[in-house]
Structure formats: structure tokens, C-alpha cells
Amino acid sequence: MSIRDEVLSEIDGETIVFCQSCGICTGGCPSARFSKYNPRRIIHKTNLNMDPGDDIWLCATCYTCQERCPRGIKITDFMNLLRRIYIKEKGMPDFIDTLIENLKNAGYTTQLGEIENKRRERMNLPKINTADYIKRILELTEG
């Protein structure tokens, strides 16, 4: 089954064919401000039965695009569906291992060091220490 057929067979999958590429979803997207993420390009690729690529992992699942879409397309749900399809076909992406390792070591998905804490200090924000409670949760839930 093709990606497009699989998406269309899901609940509300048919709404993606109504995307008019107006750009409202991208205009309010926090991920699009800092990366090449473009929800309408991913929808367009899926409609053309093309592989959407790794950009699906850049969605912040903030639902801003979904709330603003004039056509009522459930874009965030669509991105989550594409992620599930990706995992089913290709397995977990490699970068997830790095995120989990960072969580184990520091309690955050990114490495936070003195440079980040100095920047936070200049902005009058508190210093970030390792989140021990997250490390403990990971220890308890590992198989």
C-alpha cells in the first residue's frame, strides 16, 4: 500500500486532499521559524505519493496549524499518522537514541552546559541543573 493510500484510509485522512497551500499553517508554526519545516509541502508530497522525508519529525505538535487552517485540515494529527507509518515501515529513527541518551545523562533531550547557563543568567533566568527525577523515571521504566 502506498503512503497516500495508507493516509487516506485513516480517519480524517481524506482532508489532506483539500489543502490549498495557503501557507497559514506555516505562518504560525514555531518549528518553521527555526528550521526548514513546512507542513503544506509535506501534505503536497503525500498527495503526490512521494516520501515526505524526515521533516515529519520537526513538528512540535503545538496544534497552531490545525487551529488556524481555514479548510479544517487536521495537520498535527496527519503528522502523527505519518510518524506512525514511518516507524512501522522503517523503525525508530536514529536521532531518537541520542535524545534518550541525553535524557538518561542530564534529564533533558539536549545537552545543557555552562554556555547555556551563562546565557540564561544574562537573561535573568535561573540556572538549569540536571533533572534527576527524569533520570529516575527512565531507570524505573527501562526494560
N, C-alpha and C. Protein backbone atom coordinates (compact mmCIF):
# COMPACT_ATOMS: atom_id res chain seq x y z
N MET A 1 0.85 -1.18 0.00
CA MET A 1 0.00 0.00 0.00
C MET A 1 0.90 1.24 0.00
N SER A 2 0.56 2.23 -0.80
CA SER A 2 1.35 3.46 -0.87
C SER A 2 1.08 4.33 0.35
N ILE A 3 1.97 5.28 0.59
CA ILE A 3 1.80 6.20 1.72
C ILE A 3 0.50 6.96 1.59
N ARG A 4 0.19 7.44 0.40
CA ARG A 4 -1.04 8.21 0.18
C ARG A 4 -2.26 7.36 0.48
N ASP A 5 -2.27 6.12 -0.01
CA ASP A 5 -3.41 5.23 0.25
C ASP A 5 -3.55 4.93 1.73
N GLU A 6 -2.42 4.73 2.39
CA GLU A 6 -2.47 4.43 3.82
C GLU A 6 -3.01 5.63 4.61
N VAL A 7 -2.57 6.84 4.23
CA VAL A 7 -3.06 8.05 4.90
C VAL A 7 -4.55 8.23 4.63
N LEU A 8 -4.96 8.04 3.38
CA LEU A 8 -6.37 8.24 3.04
C LEU A 8 -7.28 7.21 3.70
N SER A 9 -6.74 6.05 4.04
CA SER A 9 -7.56 5.02 4.68
C SER A 9 -7.78 5.28 6.16
N GLU A 10 -7.00 6.17 6.73
CA GLU A 10 -7.14 6.51 8.15
C GLU A 10 -8.29 7.49 8.36
N ILE A 11 -8.70 7.61 9.63
CA ILE A 11 -9.76 8.56 9.99
C ILE A 11 -9.31 9.97 9.66
N ASP A 12 -10.12 10.73 8.99
CA ASP A 12 -9.85 12.11 8.58
C ASP A 12 -8.67 12.23 7.63
N GLY A 13 -8.18 11.13 7.11
CA GLY A 13 -7.09 11.19 6.15
C GLY A 13 -7.51 11.86 4.85
N GLU A 14 -8.80 11.82 4.55
CA GLU A 14 -9.27 12.41 3.28
C GLU A 14 -9.17 13.92 3.26
N THR A 15 -9.02 14.57 4.40
CA THR A 15 -8.99 16.03 4.42
C THR A 15 -7.74 16.60 3.77
N ILE A 16 -6.67 15.83 3.68
CA ILE A 16 -5.43 16.38 3.12
C ILE A 16 -5.57 16.75 1.66
N VAL A 17 -6.51 16.14 0.95
CA VAL A 17 -6.69 16.48 -0.47
C VAL A 17 -7.29 17.87 -0.64
N PHE A 18 -7.79 18.48 0.44
CA PHE A 18 -8.40 19.80 0.37
C PHE A 18 -7.40 20.93 0.64
N CYS A 19 -6.15 20.59 0.92
CA CYS A 19 -5.14 21.61 1.20
C CYS A 19 -4.96 22.49 -0.03
N GLN A 20 -5.08 23.81 0.18
CA GLN A 20 -4.94 24.76 -0.93
C GLN A 20 -3.59 25.46 -0.90
N SER A 21 -2.69 25.00 -0.05
CA SER A 21 -1.35 25.59 0.08
C SER A 21 -1.40 27.09 0.33
N CYS A 22 -2.29 27.50 1.22
CA CYS A 22 -2.43 28.93 1.53
C CYS A 22 -1.28 29.45 2.38
N GLY A 23 -0.64 28.57 3.14
CA GLY A 23 0.52 28.95 3.94
C GLY A 23 0.19 29.40 5.35
N ILE A 24 -1.07 29.40 5.73
CA ILE A 24 -1.44 29.84 7.08
C ILE A 24 -0.83 28.90 8.12
N CYS A 25 -0.76 27.61 7.79
CA CYS A 25 -0.19 26.64 8.73
C CYS A 25 1.29 26.92 8.97
N THR A 26 2.00 27.30 7.95
CA THR A 26 3.43 27.57 8.08
C THR A 26 3.69 28.91 8.75
N GLY A 27 2.81 29.88 8.51
CA GLY A 27 2.99 31.22 9.06
C GLY A 27 2.99 31.27 10.57
N GLY A 28 2.21 30.41 11.22
CA GLY A 28 2.15 30.43 12.68
C GLY A 28 2.94 29.32 13.34
N CYS A 29 3.67 28.56 12.57
CA CYS A 29 4.36 27.38 13.08
C CYS A 29 5.68 27.74 13.77
N PRO A 30 5.84 27.36 15.05
CA PRO A 30 7.10 27.66 15.74
C PRO A 30 8.28 26.88 15.15
N SER A 31 8.04 25.68 14.66
CA SER A 31 9.12 24.88 14.07
C SER A 31 9.58 25.47 12.75
N ALA A 32 8.67 26.05 11.99
CA ALA A 32 9.03 26.63 10.69
C ALA A 32 9.89 27.88 10.84
N ARG A 33 9.80 28.54 11.99
CA ARG A 33 10.62 29.73 12.22
C ARG A 33 12.10 29.42 12.32
N PHE A 34 12.41 28.22 12.80
CA PHE A 34 13.80 27.88 13.09
C PHE A 34 14.34 26.72 12.26
N SER A 35 13.56 26.24 11.31
CA SER A 35 14.01 25.10 10.50
C SER A 35 13.37 25.15 9.12
N LYS A 36 13.63 24.13 8.35
CA LYS A 36 13.06 24.03 7.00
C LYS A 36 11.67 23.39 7.01
N TYR A 37 11.11 23.18 8.18
CA TYR A 37 9.81 22.52 8.30
C TYR A 37 8.71 23.31 7.59
N ASN A 38 7.92 22.62 6.79
CA ASN A 38 6.83 23.25 6.05
C ASN A 38 5.69 22.24 5.92
N PRO A 39 4.64 22.35 6.75
CA PRO A 39 3.56 21.37 6.73
C PRO A 39 2.89 21.23 5.37
N ARG A 40 2.67 22.33 4.66
CA ARG A 40 1.97 22.23 3.38
C ARG A 40 2.81 21.51 2.34
N ARG A 41 4.14 21.62 2.41
CA ARG A 41 5.00 20.88 1.49
C ARG A 41 4.90 19.37 1.76
N ILE A 42 4.82 19.00 3.03
CA ILE A 42 4.68 17.59 3.39
C ILE A 42 3.33 17.06 2.91
N ILE A 43 2.27 17.84 3.09
CA ILE A 43 0.95 17.43 2.60
C ILE A 43 0.98 17.27 1.08
N HIS A 44 1.61 18.21 0.41
CA HIS A 44 1.70 18.17 -1.05
C HIS A 44 2.46 16.92 -1.51
N LYS A 45 3.58 16.61 -0.86
CA LYS A 45 4.35 15.41 -1.22
C LYS A 45 3.52 14.15 -1.02
N THR A 46 2.76 14.10 0.07
CA THR A 46 1.93 12.93 0.35
C THR A 46 0.83 12.80 -0.70
N ASN A 47 0.23 13.92 -1.09
CA ASN A 47 -0.80 13.88 -2.13
C ASN A 47 -0.24 13.38 -3.46
N LEU A 48 1.04 13.65 -3.71
CA LEU A 48 1.69 13.18 -4.94
C LEU A 48 2.30 11.79 -4.77
N ASN A 49 2.03 11.16 -3.62
CA ASN A 49 2.51 9.83 -3.30
C ASN A 49 4.04 9.78 -3.23
N MET A 50 4.63 10.88 -2.75
CA MET A 50 6.07 10.94 -2.56
C MET A 50 6.40 10.74 -1.09
N ASP A 51 7.60 10.29 -0.79
CA ASP A 51 8.05 10.14 0.58
C ASP A 51 8.16 11.52 1.22
N PRO A 52 7.49 11.77 2.34
CA PRO A 52 7.54 13.10 2.95
C PRO A 52 8.89 13.46 3.54
N GLY A 53 9.76 12.49 3.73
CA GLY A 53 11.10 12.75 4.25
C GLY A 53 11.12 12.84 5.76
N ASP A 54 12.26 13.24 6.27
CA ASP A 54 12.47 13.30 7.72
C ASP A 54 11.89 14.55 8.36
N ASP A 55 11.35 15.46 7.57
CA ASP A 55 10.78 16.69 8.12
C ASP A 55 9.61 16.44 9.05
N ILE A 56 8.97 15.28 8.95
CA ILE A 56 7.82 14.98 9.81
C ILE A 56 8.20 15.01 11.28
N TRP A 57 9.48 14.80 11.58
CA TRP A 57 9.92 14.78 12.97
C TRP A 57 10.11 16.18 13.54
N LEU A 58 10.03 17.20 12.70
CA LEU A 58 10.23 18.57 13.16
C LEU A 58 8.94 19.19 13.72
N CYS A 59 7.80 18.56 13.52
CA CYS A 59 6.53 19.07 14.03
C CYS A 59 6.56 19.11 15.55
N ALA A 60 6.22 20.25 16.12
CA ALA A 60 6.24 20.42 17.57
C ALA A 60 4.92 19.98 18.23
N THR A 61 3.96 19.53 17.46
CA THR A 61 2.63 19.14 17.93
C THR A 61 2.01 20.19 18.84
N CYS A 62 2.09 21.43 18.39
CA CYS A 62 1.51 22.54 19.16
C CYS A 62 0.06 22.83 18.74
N TYR A 63 -0.38 22.27 17.62
CA TYR A 63 -1.74 22.41 17.09
C TYR A 63 -2.05 23.81 16.56
N THR A 64 -1.06 24.69 16.46
CA THR A 64 -1.31 26.02 15.93
C THR A 64 -1.80 25.93 14.49
N CYS A 65 -1.14 25.11 13.67
CA CYS A 65 -1.52 24.96 12.27
C CYS A 65 -2.95 24.43 12.13
N GLN A 66 -3.27 23.47 12.96
CA GLN A 66 -4.58 22.84 12.91
C GLN A 66 -5.68 23.82 13.31
N GLU A 67 -5.40 24.65 14.29
CA GLU A 67 -6.38 25.63 14.76
C GLU A 67 -6.61 26.74 13.74
N ARG A 68 -5.57 27.07 12.97
CA ARG A 68 -5.66 28.18 12.02
C ARG A 68 -6.08 27.78 10.62
N CYS A 69 -6.05 26.50 10.30
CA CYS A 69 -6.33 26.06 8.93
C CYS A 69 -7.77 26.40 8.52
N PRO A 70 -7.92 27.19 7.45
CA PRO A 70 -9.27 27.58 7.01
C PRO A 70 -10.06 26.41 6.41
N ARG A 71 -9.38 25.35 6.00
CA ARG A 71 -10.05 24.18 5.43
C ARG A 71 -10.33 23.09 6.46
N GLY A 72 -9.89 23.31 7.70
CA GLY A 72 -10.14 22.34 8.76
C GLY A 72 -9.30 21.08 8.67
N ILE A 73 -8.15 21.17 8.02
CA ILE A 73 -7.28 20.01 7.89
C ILE A 73 -6.60 19.76 9.23
N LYS A 74 -6.62 18.54 9.66
CA LYS A 74 -6.03 18.17 10.95
C LYS A 74 -4.55 17.85 10.73
N ILE A 75 -3.76 18.89 10.57
CA ILE A 75 -2.37 18.76 10.17
C ILE A 75 -1.53 18.05 11.23
N THR A 76 -1.70 18.39 12.48
CA THR A 76 -0.91 17.75 13.54
C THR A 76 -1.23 16.27 13.62
N ASP A 77 -2.51 15.93 13.51
CA ASP A 77 -2.91 14.52 13.51
C ASP A 77 -2.31 13.81 12.29
N PHE A 78 -2.26 14.51 11.18
CA PHE A 78 -1.67 13.97 9.96
C PHE A 78 -0.18 13.70 10.15
N MET A 79 0.54 14.62 10.79
CA MET A 79 1.98 14.42 11.04
C MET A 79 2.20 13.23 11.96
N ASN A 80 1.36 13.10 12.98
CA ASN A 80 1.48 11.96 13.88
C ASN A 80 1.21 10.65 13.14
N LEU A 81 0.26 10.66 12.23
CA LEU A 81 -0.03 9.48 11.42
C LEU A 81 1.17 9.13 10.55
N LEU A 82 1.78 10.13 9.91
CA LEU A 82 2.97 9.88 9.09
C LEU A 82 4.11 9.32 9.94
N ARG A 83 4.25 9.79 11.16
CA ARG A 83 5.28 9.25 12.06
C ARG A 83 5.02 7.78 12.36
N ARG A 84 3.76 7.45 12.64
CA ARG A 84 3.43 6.04 12.92
C ARG A 84 3.71 5.16 11.71
N ILE A 85 3.38 5.64 10.52
CA ILE A 85 3.66 4.89 9.29
C ILE A 85 5.17 4.71 9.13
N TYR A 86 5.94 5.77 9.36
CA TYR A 86 7.39 5.72 9.25
C TYR A 86 7.96 4.66 10.19
N ILE A 87 7.53 4.70 11.45
CA ILE A 87 8.05 3.75 12.45
C ILE A 87 7.67 2.32 12.08
N LYS A 88 6.45 2.13 11.58
CA LYS A 88 6.01 0.79 11.19
C LYS A 88 6.84 0.24 10.04
N GLU A 89 7.19 1.11 9.08
CA GLU A 89 7.91 0.65 7.90
C GLU A 89 9.43 0.64 8.08
N LYS A 90 9.98 1.65 8.77
CA LYS A 90 11.43 1.81 8.84
C LYS A 90 12.00 1.66 10.24
N GLY A 91 11.16 1.59 11.25
CA GLY A 91 11.65 1.53 12.62
C GLY A 91 11.89 2.93 13.17
N MET A 92 12.37 2.98 14.39
CA MET A 92 12.62 4.24 15.07
C MET A 92 13.81 4.95 14.41
N PRO A 93 13.69 6.27 14.17
CA PRO A 93 14.82 6.99 13.56
C PRO A 93 16.02 7.05 14.50
N ASP A 94 17.21 7.17 13.93
CA ASP A 94 18.46 7.12 14.70
C ASP A 94 18.58 8.23 15.74
N PHE A 95 18.06 9.41 15.45
CA PHE A 95 18.25 10.53 16.38
C PHE A 95 17.53 10.33 17.70
N ILE A 96 16.56 9.43 17.75
CA ILE A 96 15.83 9.17 18.99
C ILE A 96 16.77 8.59 20.05
N ASP A 97 17.74 7.75 19.63
CA ASP A 97 18.69 7.18 20.58
C ASP A 97 19.49 8.27 21.28
N THR A 98 19.88 9.31 20.54
CA THR A 98 20.62 10.42 21.12
C THR A 98 19.76 11.16 22.14
N LEU A 99 18.49 11.38 21.81
CA LEU A 99 17.59 12.07 22.75
C LEU A 99 17.43 11.27 24.04
N ILE A 100 17.27 9.96 23.91
CA ILE A 100 17.10 9.12 25.09
C ILE A 100 18.38 9.11 25.93
N GLU A 101 19.53 9.06 25.26
CA GLU A 101 20.80 9.10 25.98
C GLU A 101 20.97 10.42 26.74
N ASN A 102 20.60 11.52 26.11
CA ASN A 102 20.65 12.82 26.79
C ASN A 102 19.71 12.86 27.98
N LEU A 103 18.51 12.27 27.82
CA LEU A 103 17.57 12.21 28.94
C LEU A 103 18.16 11.43 30.11
N LYS A 104 18.81 10.31 29.80
CA LYS A 104 19.42 9.48 30.85
C LYS A 104 20.52 10.24 31.58
N ASN A 105 21.34 10.97 30.83
CA ASN A 105 22.50 11.62 31.42
C ASN A 105 22.19 12.95 32.10
N ALA A 106 21.31 13.74 31.50
CA ALA A 106 21.09 15.09 32.01
C ALA A 106 19.65 15.38 32.42
N GLY A 107 18.72 14.55 31.97
CA GLY A 107 17.32 14.81 32.29
C GLY A 107 16.62 15.68 31.26
N TYR A 108 17.33 16.05 30.20
CA TYR A 108 16.77 16.86 29.12
C TYR A 108 17.16 16.24 27.79
N THR A 109 16.41 16.54 26.74
CA THR A 109 16.71 15.96 25.43
C THR A 109 17.90 16.63 24.75
N THR A 110 18.34 17.74 25.27
CA THR A 110 19.50 18.43 24.72
C THR A 110 20.56 18.56 25.80
N GLN A 111 21.80 18.66 25.39
CA GLN A 111 22.89 18.84 26.34
C GLN A 111 22.88 20.29 26.83
N LEU A 112 22.80 20.47 28.12
CA LEU A 112 22.84 21.81 28.70
C LEU A 112 24.12 21.95 29.51
N GLY A 113 24.89 22.95 29.19
CA GLY A 113 26.16 23.16 29.89
C GLY A 113 26.29 24.56 30.40
N GLU A 114 27.52 24.93 30.67
CA GLU A 114 27.81 26.25 31.23
C GLU A 114 27.46 27.38 30.26
N ILE A 115 27.66 27.16 28.96
CA ILE A 115 27.35 28.21 27.98
C ILE A 115 25.87 28.55 28.03
N GLU A 116 25.02 27.51 28.06
CA GLU A 116 23.57 27.77 28.14
C GLU A 116 23.20 28.45 29.44
N ASN A 117 23.83 28.02 30.55
CA ASN A 117 23.51 28.63 31.84
C ASN A 117 23.99 30.08 31.92
N LYS A 118 25.13 30.39 31.29
CA LYS A 118 25.59 31.79 31.25
C LYS A 118 24.61 32.64 30.43
N ARG A 119 24.12 32.09 29.34
CA ARG A 119 23.13 32.81 28.52
C ARG A 119 21.86 33.04 29.34
N ARG A 120 21.43 32.03 30.07
CA ARG A 120 20.24 32.16 30.90
C ARG A 120 20.45 33.21 31.99
N GLU A 121 21.66 33.23 32.54
CA GLU A 121 21.97 34.22 33.58
C GLU A 121 21.87 35.64 33.03
N ARG A 122 22.37 35.86 31.81
CA ARG A 122 22.27 37.19 31.18
C ARG A 122 20.82 37.60 30.95
N MET A 123 19.94 36.62 30.78
CA MET A 123 18.52 36.91 30.55
C MET A 123 17.72 36.88 31.86
N ASN A 124 18.45 36.86 33.00
CA ASN A 124 17.84 36.82 34.33
C ASN A 124 16.96 35.59 34.54
N LEU A 125 17.40 34.47 34.00
CA LEU A 125 16.70 33.20 34.19
C LEU A 125 17.51 32.33 35.14
N PRO A 126 16.86 31.44 35.86
CA PRO A 126 17.61 30.58 36.80
C PRO A 126 18.48 29.56 36.07
N LYS A 127 19.54 29.14 36.74
CA LYS A 127 20.44 28.12 36.21
C LYS A 127 19.70 26.79 36.12
N ILE A 128 19.98 26.04 35.09
CA ILE A 128 19.35 24.73 34.91
C ILE A 128 20.31 23.66 35.39
N ASN A 129 19.85 22.84 36.30
CA ASN A 129 20.63 21.69 36.77
C ASN A 129 20.06 20.44 36.14
N THR A 130 20.75 19.34 36.31
CA THR A 130 20.23 18.09 35.74
C THR A 130 18.92 17.74 36.44
N ALA A 131 18.01 17.19 35.67
CA ALA A 131 16.69 16.81 36.19
C ALA A 131 16.75 15.36 36.68
N ASP A 132 17.11 15.18 37.94
CA ASP A 132 17.29 13.84 38.50
C ASP A 132 16.01 13.01 38.48
N TYR A 133 14.87 13.67 38.61
CA TYR A 133 13.60 12.93 38.64
C TYR A 133 13.33 12.25 37.29
N ILE A 134 13.77 12.87 36.19
CA ILE A 134 13.57 12.24 34.88
C ILE A 134 14.50 11.04 34.74
N LYS A 135 15.73 11.16 35.23
CA LYS A 135 16.66 10.02 35.21
C LYS A 135 16.06 8.85 35.99
N ARG A 136 15.47 9.15 37.13
CA ARG A 136 14.87 8.11 37.97
C ARG A 136 13.70 7.43 37.26
N ILE A 137 12.85 8.21 36.59
CA ILE A 137 11.73 7.65 35.84
C ILE A 137 12.24 6.72 34.75
N LEU A 138 13.28 7.15 34.03
CA LEU A 138 13.85 6.31 32.97
C LEU A 138 14.43 5.03 33.53
N GLU A 139 15.09 5.10 34.68
CA GLU A 139 15.63 3.90 35.30
C GLU A 139 14.52 2.91 35.66
N LEU A 140 13.42 3.43 36.15
CA LEU A 140 12.30 2.57 36.57
C LEU A 140 11.55 1.97 35.39
N THR A 141 11.55 2.66 34.24
CA THR A 141 10.75 2.20 33.10
C THR A 141 11.56 1.41 32.07
N GLU A 142 12.88 1.38 32.20
CA GLU A 142 13.68 0.60 31.24
C GLU A 142 13.40 -0.89 31.42
N GLY A 143 13.36 -1.55 30.27
CA GLY A 143 13.04 -2.98 30.28
C GLY A 143 14.17 -3.83 30.50
